[in-house]
Amino acid sequence: MDALTAFGLAAVTTMLVTYALEERGAVFTLLFAFACVAGSVYGFLQGAWPFGVVEAIWSVVALRRWYKRLGPETP
């Protein structure tokens, strides 16, 4: 396994774990966003730019969810 493949495996594994733990706290949503950024970097480095673009979009969505979780509760 080369370094790029190991990086991609670590990124998507982190995405899976942090997504599963998101309900436990906002920090997991933030970590999920960072893992999506890593997945995006992996996609672009590997040459799969559609994957890189989608992961970049997911990171923005996750950051928005994290930011909303920090705000006051709305009824």
C-alpha atoms as a PDB file:
ATOM      1  CA  MET A   1       0.000   0.000   0.000  1.00  0.00           C
ATOM      2  CA  ASP A   2       1.474   3.328  -1.024  1.00  0.00           C
ATOM      3  CA  ALA A   3       1.288   6.539   1.035  1.00  0.00           C
ATOM      4  CA  LEU A   4      -1.538   8.066  -1.032  1.00  0.00           C
ATOM      5  CA  THR A   5      -3.733   4.990  -0.610  1.00  0.00           C
ATOM      6  CA  ALA A   6      -3.031   4.930   3.131  1.00  0.00           C
ATOM      7  CA  PHE A   7      -3.962   8.621   3.355  1.00  0.00           C
ATOM      8  CA  GLY A   8      -7.232   7.973   1.506  1.00  0.00           C
ATOM      9  CA  LEU A   9      -8.035   5.009   3.728  1.00  0.00           C
ATOM     10  CA  ALA A  10      -7.393   7.087   6.840  1.00  0.00           C
ATOM     11  CA  ALA A  11      -9.563   9.927   5.506  1.00  0.00           C
ATOM     12  CA  VAL A  12     -12.600   7.798   4.674  1.00  0.00           C
ATOM     13  CA  THR A  13     -12.258   5.743   7.863  1.00  0.00           C
ATOM     14  CA  THR A  14     -12.208   8.952   9.903  1.00  0.00           C
ATOM     15  CA  MET A  15     -15.239  10.172   7.963  1.00  0.00           C
ATOM     16  CA  LEU A  16     -17.139   6.983   8.788  1.00  0.00           C
ATOM     17  CA  VAL A  17     -16.282   7.012  12.486  1.00  0.00           C
ATOM     18  CA  THR A  18     -16.954  10.708  13.045  1.00  0.00           C
ATOM     19  CA  TYR A  19     -20.224  10.561  11.097  1.00  0.00           C
ATOM     20  CA  ALA A  20     -21.376   7.685  13.286  1.00  0.00           C
ATOM     21  CA  LEU A  21     -20.504   9.655  16.437  1.00  0.00           C
ATOM     22  CA  GLU A  22     -21.967  13.031  15.387  1.00  0.00           C
ATOM     23  CA  GLU A  23     -24.902  12.791  17.812  1.00  0.00           C
ATOM     24  CA  ARG A  24     -22.483  12.632  20.758  1.00  0.00           C
ATOM     25  CA  GLY A  25     -21.289  16.177  20.300  1.00  0.00           C
ATOM     26  CA  ALA A  26     -20.554  19.039  17.952  1.00  0.00           C
ATOM     27  CA  VAL A  27     -16.855  18.224  17.979  1.00  0.00           C
ATOM     28  CA  PHE A  28     -17.570  15.089  15.933  1.00  0.00           C
ATOM     29  CA  THR A  29     -19.363  17.177  13.313  1.00  0.00           C
ATOM     30  CA  LEU A  30     -16.314  19.421  13.093  1.00  0.00           C
ATOM     31  CA  LEU A  31     -14.007  16.404  12.844  1.00  0.00           C
ATOM     32  CA  PHE A  32     -16.245  14.993  10.116  1.00  0.00           C
ATOM     33  CA  ALA A  33     -15.821  18.251   8.178  1.00  0.00           C
ATOM     34  CA  PHE A  34     -12.033  18.021   8.484  1.00  0.00           C
ATOM     35  CA  ALA A  35     -12.148  14.394   7.377  1.00  0.00           C
ATOM     36  CA  CYS A  36     -14.173  15.470   4.328  1.00  0.00           C
ATOM     37  CA  VAL A  37     -11.469  18.011   3.502  1.00  0.00           C
ATOM     38  CA  ALA A  38      -8.888  15.220   3.741  1.00  0.00           C
ATOM     39  CA  GLY A  39     -11.062  13.055   1.486  1.00  0.00           C
ATOM     40  CA  SER A  40     -11.284  15.907  -0.995  1.00  0.00           C
ATOM     41  CA  VAL A  41      -7.513  16.344  -1.008  1.00  0.00           C
ATOM     42  CA  TYR A  42      -7.145  12.607  -1.560  1.00  0.00           C
ATOM     43  CA  GLY A  43      -9.580  12.693  -4.481  1.00  0.00           C
ATOM     44  CA  PHE A  44      -7.717  15.501  -6.210  1.00  0.00           C
ATOM     45  CA  LEU A  45      -4.291  13.938  -5.559  1.00  0.00           C
ATOM     46  CA  GLN A  46      -5.488  10.610  -6.909  1.00  0.00           C
ATOM     47  CA  GLY A  47      -6.889  12.222 -10.037  1.00  0.00           C
ATOM     48  CA  ALA A  48     -10.540  11.575  -9.251  1.00  0.00           C
ATOM     49  CA  TRP A  49     -11.601  15.217  -9.334  1.00  0.00           C
ATOM     50  CA  PRO A  50     -15.379  14.503  -9.165  1.00  0.00           C
ATOM     51  CA  PHE A  51     -14.781  12.751  -5.833  1.00  0.00           C
ATOM     52  CA  GLY A  52     -12.659  15.702  -4.702  1.00  0.00           C
ATOM     53  CA  VAL A  53     -15.388  18.181  -5.592  1.00  0.00           C
ATOM     54  CA  VAL A  54     -18.136  16.219  -3.839  1.00  0.00           C
ATOM     55  CA  GLU A  55     -16.053  15.818  -0.692  1.00  0.00           C
ATOM     56  CA  ALA A  56     -15.296  19.557  -0.702  1.00  0.00           C
ATOM     57  CA  ILE A  57     -19.035  20.243  -0.853  1.00  0.00           C
ATOM     58  CA  TRP A  58     -19.642  17.790   2.004  1.00  0.00           C
ATOM     59  CA  SER A  59     -17.051  19.610   4.096  1.00  0.00           C
ATOM     60  CA  VAL A  60     -18.930  22.901   3.622  1.00  0.00           C
ATOM     61  CA  VAL A  61     -22.226  21.208   4.530  1.00  0.00           C
ATOM     62  CA  ALA A  62     -20.657  19.677   7.647  1.00  0.00           C
ATOM     63  CA  LEU A  63     -19.119  22.993   8.714  1.00  0.00           C
ATOM     64  CA  ARG A  64     -22.522  24.631   8.360  1.00  0.00           C
ATOM     65  CA  ARG A  65     -24.125  21.888  10.490  1.00  0.00           C
ATOM     66  CA  TRP A  66     -21.396  22.319  13.106  1.00  0.00           C
ATOM     67  CA  TYR A  67     -21.906  26.085  13.192  1.00  0.00           C
ATOM     68  CA  LYS A  68     -25.672  25.652  13.601  1.00  0.00           C
ATOM     69  CA  ARG A  69     -25.126  23.225  16.489  1.00  0.00           C
ATOM     70  CA  LEU A  70     -23.120  25.880  18.333  1.00  0.00           C
ATOM     71  CA  GLY A  71     -25.910  28.445  18.113  1.00  0.00           C
ATOM     72  CA  PRO A  72     -28.844  28.813  20.506  1.00  0.00           C
ATOM     73  CA  GLU A  73     -31.612  26.274  20.354  1.00  0.00           C
ATOM     74  CA  THR A  74     -34.513  27.260  18.134  1.00  0.00           C
ATOM     75  CA  PRO A  75     -38.022  25.975  18.785  1.00  0.00           C
END
